[in-house]
Amino acid sequence: MFSDCEINGRDRERVSAHGVSSTDRRELIAIDRMAPRGRPRLRVQAVDQLSIVAFEDAPMLFEEDVVRDLGDQLHGLVEHGHTRMLLNFGGVRYMSCAMLGKVARLHLRIERARGRLGLCGFDPILKDMLRICGLDRVLETYGDEDEALDAGKVARGRRRKD
């Protein structure tokens, strides 16, 4: 999982947050430094008790080993106590059904841990994919990080009413 990262709090570095109120604290808590440049990796930031996970260098999530590695890292975050999570798919244009399955399993795992999972930043094609699979009715989705943070439901753990 994040073997060369600061998941445990060591070497945390502050990250300035554009468009976030001064009461919100964003802190970079992990980035997969083991991934070669250009290979998809995760960047994790903490905002209060919410972990915002962004996919970097990930326009397409198709390769089996990439999907497996990212899925393992996401599940590792839950093992390390990150049970209030927002996955930001901004920049991801396409993903395999296997990656979508990883997200669905992550949702179940977080629910068992009494946490919340939200998703945001979907490309229109990915939005259609969620709709076709019926996952848009199960997973909490938002337009972007700001909308999710404004809603506050992922951070507070309340289920969104549609």
C-alpha atoms as a PDB file:
ATOM      1  CA  MET A   1       0.000   0.000   0.000  1.00  0.00           C
ATOM      2  CA  PHE A   2       1.703   3.392   0.427  1.00  0.00           C
ATOM      3  CA  SER A   3       5.036   1.870   1.432  1.00  0.00           C
ATOM      4  CA  ASP A   4       7.043   5.019   0.665  1.00  0.00           C
ATOM      5  CA  CYS A   5       4.450   7.537   1.838  1.00  0.00           C
ATOM      6  CA  GLU A   6       3.474   9.517   4.899  1.00  0.00           C
ATOM      7  CA  ILE A   7       0.279   7.635   5.691  1.00  0.00           C
ATOM      8  CA  ASN A   8       1.215   7.420   9.360  1.00  0.00           C
ATOM      9  CA  GLY A   9       1.775  11.165   9.657  1.00  0.00           C
ATOM     10  CA  ARG A  10       5.540  11.326   9.264  1.00  0.00           C
ATOM     11  CA  ASP A  11       6.883  14.088   7.014  1.00  0.00           C
ATOM     12  CA  ARG A  12       3.523  15.760   6.487  1.00  0.00           C
ATOM     13  CA  GLU A  13       3.674  18.823   4.323  1.00  0.00           C
ATOM     14  CA  ARG A  14       1.091  21.595   4.203  1.00  0.00           C
ATOM     15  CA  VAL A  15      -0.792  22.177   0.995  1.00  0.00           C
ATOM     16  CA  SER A  16      -2.458  25.481   0.231  1.00  0.00           C
ATOM     17  CA  ALA A  17      -6.077  25.091  -0.777  1.00  0.00           C
ATOM     18  CA  HIS A  18      -7.462  27.428  -3.412  1.00  0.00           C
ATOM     19  CA  GLY A  19     -11.087  28.337  -2.794  1.00  0.00           C
ATOM     20  CA  VAL A  20     -11.328  26.763   0.657  1.00  0.00           C
ATOM     21  CA  SER A  21     -12.272  28.805   3.723  1.00  0.00           C
ATOM     22  CA  SER A  22      -9.609  29.495   6.299  1.00  0.00           C
ATOM     23  CA  THR A  23     -11.376  27.187   8.759  1.00  0.00           C
ATOM     24  CA  ASP A  24     -10.724  24.198   6.487  1.00  0.00           C
ATOM     25  CA  ARG A  25      -7.346  22.569   6.951  1.00  0.00           C
ATOM     26  CA  ARG A  26      -5.982  20.699   3.986  1.00  0.00           C
ATOM     27  CA  GLU A  27      -2.964  18.609   4.597  1.00  0.00           C
ATOM     28  CA  LEU A  28      -1.148  16.298   2.212  1.00  0.00           C
ATOM     29  CA  ILE A  29      -0.973  12.983   4.001  1.00  0.00           C
ATOM     30  CA  ALA A  30       0.107  10.571   1.297  1.00  0.00           C
ATOM     31  CA  ILE A  31       1.228  10.360  -2.268  1.00  0.00           C
ATOM     32  CA  ASP A  32       2.435   7.200  -3.910  1.00  0.00           C
ATOM     33  CA  ARG A  33       6.090   8.045  -4.531  1.00  0.00           C
ATOM     34  CA  MET A  34       6.837   4.504  -5.686  1.00  0.00           C
ATOM     35  CA  ALA A  35       4.869   4.918  -8.919  1.00  0.00           C
ATOM     36  CA  PRO A  36       7.065   5.870 -11.878  1.00  0.00           C
ATOM     37  CA  ARG A  37       6.403   9.273 -13.430  1.00  0.00           C
ATOM     38  CA  GLY A  38       3.406   9.085 -15.731  1.00  0.00           C
ATOM     39  CA  ARG A  39       1.983   5.977 -14.053  1.00  0.00           C
ATOM     40  CA  PRO A  40      -1.361   6.434 -12.255  1.00  0.00           C
ATOM     41  CA  ARG A  41      -1.041   7.070  -8.541  1.00  0.00           C
ATOM     42  CA  LEU A  42      -3.081   8.388  -5.623  1.00  0.00           C
ATOM     43  CA  ARG A  43      -2.725  11.690  -3.811  1.00  0.00           C
ATOM     44  CA  VAL A  44      -4.444  11.851  -0.430  1.00  0.00           C
ATOM     45  CA  GLN A  45      -5.278  15.068   1.397  1.00  0.00           C
ATOM     46  CA  ALA A  46      -7.005  15.496   4.735  1.00  0.00           C
ATOM     47  CA  VAL A  47      -9.663  18.141   5.246  1.00  0.00           C
ATOM     48  CA  ASP A  48     -10.701  17.910   8.871  1.00  0.00           C
ATOM     49  CA  GLN A  49     -11.715  14.224   9.150  1.00  0.00           C
ATOM     50  CA  LEU A  50     -12.300  13.675   5.427  1.00  0.00           C
ATOM     51  CA  SER A  51      -9.658  12.047   3.193  1.00  0.00           C
ATOM     52  CA  ILE A  52      -9.774  13.434  -0.338  1.00  0.00           C
ATOM     53  CA  VAL A  53      -8.198  10.967  -2.755  1.00  0.00           C
ATOM     54  CA  ALA A  54      -7.264  12.205  -6.226  1.00  0.00           C
ATOM     55  CA  PHE A  55      -6.090  10.059  -9.110  1.00  0.00           C
ATOM     56  CA  GLU A  56      -2.954  11.558 -10.682  1.00  0.00           C
ATOM     57  CA  ASP A  57      -1.549  10.743 -14.121  1.00  0.00           C
ATOM     58  CA  ALA A  58      -4.640   8.599 -14.650  1.00  0.00           C
ATOM     59  CA  PRO A  59      -6.551   9.558 -17.800  1.00  0.00           C
ATOM     60  CA  MET A  60      -7.303   5.857 -18.389  1.00  0.00           C
ATOM     61  CA  LEU A  61      -7.624   3.192 -15.718  1.00  0.00           C
ATOM     62  CA  PHE A  62      -7.612  -0.004 -17.763  1.00  0.00           C
ATOM     63  CA  GLU A  63      -4.381  -1.902 -17.166  1.00  0.00           C
ATOM     64  CA  GLU A  64      -4.931  -4.842 -14.852  1.00  0.00           C
ATOM     65  CA  ASP A  65      -1.851  -4.198 -12.697  1.00  0.00           C
ATOM     66  CA  VAL A  66      -2.670  -0.482 -12.341  1.00  0.00           C
ATOM     67  CA  VAL A  67      -6.266  -1.232 -11.314  1.00  0.00           C
ATOM     68  CA  ARG A  68      -5.074  -3.866  -8.835  1.00  0.00           C
ATOM     69  CA  ASP A  69      -2.434  -1.536  -7.325  1.00  0.00           C
ATOM     70  CA  LEU A  70      -4.838   1.391  -6.982  1.00  0.00           C
ATOM     71  CA  GLY A  71      -7.509  -0.863  -5.487  1.00  0.00           C
ATOM     72  CA  ASP A  72      -5.025  -2.262  -2.972  1.00  0.00           C
ATOM     73  CA  GLN A  73      -3.947   1.264  -2.027  1.00  0.00           C
ATOM     74  CA  LEU A  74      -7.555   2.399  -1.559  1.00  0.00           C
ATOM     75  CA  HIS A  75      -8.310  -0.584   0.667  1.00  0.00           C
ATOM     76  CA  GLY A  76      -5.071   0.096   2.550  1.00  0.00           C
ATOM     77  CA  LEU A  77      -6.314   3.583   3.347  1.00  0.00           C
ATOM     78  CA  VAL A  78      -9.380   2.077   5.018  1.00  0.00           C
ATOM     79  CA  GLU A  79      -7.118  -0.254   7.010  1.00  0.00           C
ATOM     80  CA  HIS A  80      -5.236   2.840   8.212  1.00  0.00           C
ATOM     81  CA  GLY A  81      -8.466   4.420   9.465  1.00  0.00           C
ATOM     82  CA  HIS A  82      -9.525   6.565   6.504  1.00  0.00           C
ATOM     83  CA  THR A  83     -13.234   5.778   6.642  1.00  0.00           C
ATOM     84  CA  ARG A  84     -14.577   9.158   5.506  1.00  0.00           C
ATOM     85  CA  MET A  85     -13.358   9.388   1.934  1.00  0.00           C
ATOM     86  CA  LEU A  86     -14.021  11.433  -1.197  1.00  0.00           C
ATOM     87  CA  LEU A  87     -12.635   9.994  -4.446  1.00  0.00           C
ATOM     88  CA  ASN A  88     -11.953  12.730  -7.002  1.00  0.00           C
ATOM     89  CA  PHE A  89     -11.980  11.340 -10.546  1.00  0.00           C
ATOM     90  CA  GLY A  90     -11.106  14.685 -12.130  1.00  0.00           C
ATOM     91  CA  GLY A  91      -8.772  13.974 -15.036  1.00  0.00           C
ATOM     92  CA  VAL A  92      -9.890  10.349 -15.397  1.00  0.00           C
ATOM     93  CA  ARG A  93     -11.591   9.997 -18.764  1.00  0.00           C
ATOM     94  CA  TYR A  94     -12.046   6.227 -18.977  1.00  0.00           C
ATOM     95  CA  MET A  95     -11.957   3.312 -16.566  1.00  0.00           C
ATOM     96  CA  SER A  96     -12.490  -0.398 -16.819  1.00  0.00           C
ATOM     97  CA  CYS A  97     -15.344  -2.292 -15.224  1.00  0.00           C
ATOM     98  CA  ALA A  98     -12.704  -3.819 -12.953  1.00  0.00           C
ATOM     99  CA  MET A  99     -11.873  -0.364 -11.576  1.00  0.00           C
ATOM    100  CA  LEU A 100     -15.555   0.358 -11.089  1.00  0.00           C
ATOM    101  CA  GLY A 101     -15.793  -2.932  -9.209  1.00  0.00           C
ATOM    102  CA  LYS A 102     -12.912  -1.842  -6.951  1.00  0.00           C
ATOM    103  CA  VAL A 103     -14.840   1.338  -6.128  1.00  0.00           C
ATOM    104  CA  ALA A 104     -18.015  -0.656  -5.374  1.00  0.00           C
ATOM    105  CA  ARG A 105     -16.078  -3.009  -3.067  1.00  0.00           C
ATOM    106  CA  LEU A 106     -14.440  -0.011  -1.392  1.00  0.00           C
ATOM    107  CA  HIS A 107     -17.911   1.413  -0.763  1.00  0.00           C
ATOM    108  CA  LEU A 108     -18.999  -1.810   0.949  1.00  0.00           C
ATOM    109  CA  ARG A 109     -15.840  -1.953   3.044  1.00  0.00           C
ATOM    110  CA  ILE A 110     -16.216   1.650   4.177  1.00  0.00           C
ATOM    111  CA  GLU A 111     -19.880   1.096   5.039  1.00  0.00           C
ATOM    112  CA  ARG A 112     -18.918  -1.916   7.183  1.00  0.00           C
ATOM    113  CA  ALA A 113     -16.485   0.384   8.985  1.00  0.00           C
ATOM    114  CA  ARG A 114     -19.401   2.822   9.533  1.00  0.00           C
ATOM    115  CA  GLY A 115     -17.798   5.409   7.277  1.00  0.00           C
ATOM    116  CA  ARG A 116     -18.878   7.333   4.185  1.00  0.00           C
ATOM    117  CA  LEU A 117     -17.648   7.308   0.609  1.00  0.00           C
ATOM    118  CA  GLY A 118     -18.345  10.080  -1.876  1.00  0.00           C
ATOM    119  CA  LEU A 119     -17.284  10.417  -5.506  1.00  0.00           C
ATOM    120  CA  CYS A 120     -16.743  13.564  -7.561  1.00  0.00           C
ATOM    121  CA  GLY A 121     -15.164  14.993 -10.694  1.00  0.00           C
ATOM    122  CA  PHE A 122     -16.696  12.609 -13.216  1.00  0.00           C
ATOM    123  CA  ASP A 123     -16.189  12.986 -16.943  1.00  0.00           C
ATOM    124  CA  PRO A 124     -19.568  12.688 -18.764  1.00  0.00           C
ATOM    125  CA  ILE A 125     -18.623   9.229 -20.050  1.00  0.00           C
ATOM    126  CA  LEU A 126     -17.902   8.021 -16.517  1.00  0.00           C
ATOM    127  CA  LYS A 127     -21.184   9.528 -15.293  1.00  0.00           C
ATOM    128  CA  ASP A 128     -23.002   7.518 -17.945  1.00  0.00           C
ATOM    129  CA  MET A 129     -21.096   4.401 -16.912  1.00  0.00           C
ATOM    130  CA  LEU A 130     -22.252   4.834 -13.297  1.00  0.00           C
ATOM    131  CA  ARG A 131     -25.832   5.441 -14.446  1.00  0.00           C
ATOM    132  CA  ILE A 132     -25.901   2.400 -16.737  1.00  0.00           C
ATOM    133  CA  CYS A 133     -24.570   0.174 -13.945  1.00  0.00           C
ATOM    134  CA  GLY A 134     -27.065   1.649 -11.475  1.00  0.00           C
ATOM    135  CA  LEU A 135     -24.282   2.716  -9.129  1.00  0.00           C
ATOM    136  CA  ASP A 136     -25.391   6.352  -9.240  1.00  0.00           C
ATOM    137  CA  ARG A 137     -28.305   5.310  -6.999  1.00  0.00           C
ATOM    138  CA  VAL A 138     -25.999   3.605  -4.483  1.00  0.00           C
ATOM    139  CA  LEU A 139     -22.916   5.822  -4.384  1.00  0.00           C
ATOM    140  CA  GLU A 140     -22.943   9.461  -3.285  1.00  0.00           C
ATOM    141  CA  THR A 141     -21.801  11.603  -6.228  1.00  0.00           C
ATOM    142  CA  TYR A 142     -20.950  15.291  -6.437  1.00  0.00           C
ATOM    143  CA  GLY A 143     -19.851  17.593  -9.251  1.00  0.00           C
ATOM    144  CA  ASP A 144     -16.550  18.522  -7.638  1.00  0.00           C
ATOM    145  CA  GLU A 145     -14.703  18.681  -4.314  1.00  0.00           C
ATOM    146  CA  ASP A 146     -16.217  22.025  -3.359  1.00  0.00           C
ATOM    147  CA  GLU A 147     -19.755  20.709  -3.816  1.00  0.00           C
ATOM    148  CA  ALA A 148     -18.962  17.666  -1.677  1.00  0.00           C
ATOM    149  CA  LEU A 149     -17.347  19.788   1.027  1.00  0.00           C
ATOM    150  CA  ASP A 150     -20.259  22.254   0.959  1.00  0.00           C
ATOM    151  CA  ALA A 151     -22.720  19.390   1.310  1.00  0.00           C
ATOM    152  CA  GLY A 152     -20.649  18.143   4.232  1.00  0.00           C
ATOM    153  CA  LYS A 153     -22.460  14.823   4.223  1.00  0.00           C
ATOM    154  CA  VAL A 154     -19.400  12.734   3.429  1.00  0.00           C
ATOM    155  CA  ALA A 155     -17.441  14.385   6.228  1.00  0.00           C
ATOM    156  CA  ARG A 156     -20.270  14.157   8.762  1.00  0.00           C
ATOM    157  CA  GLY A 157     -21.342  10.677   7.738  1.00  0.00           C
ATOM    158  CA  ARG A 158     -24.965  11.416   6.903  1.00  0.00           C
ATOM    159  CA  ARG A 159     -26.638   9.771   3.913  1.00  0.00           C
ATOM    160  CA  ARG A 160     -27.591  12.121   1.091  1.00  0.00           C
ATOM    161  CA  LYS A 161     -31.290  12.440   0.341  1.00  0.00           C
ATOM    162  CA  ASP A 162     -32.186  12.598  -3.370  1.00  0.00           C
END
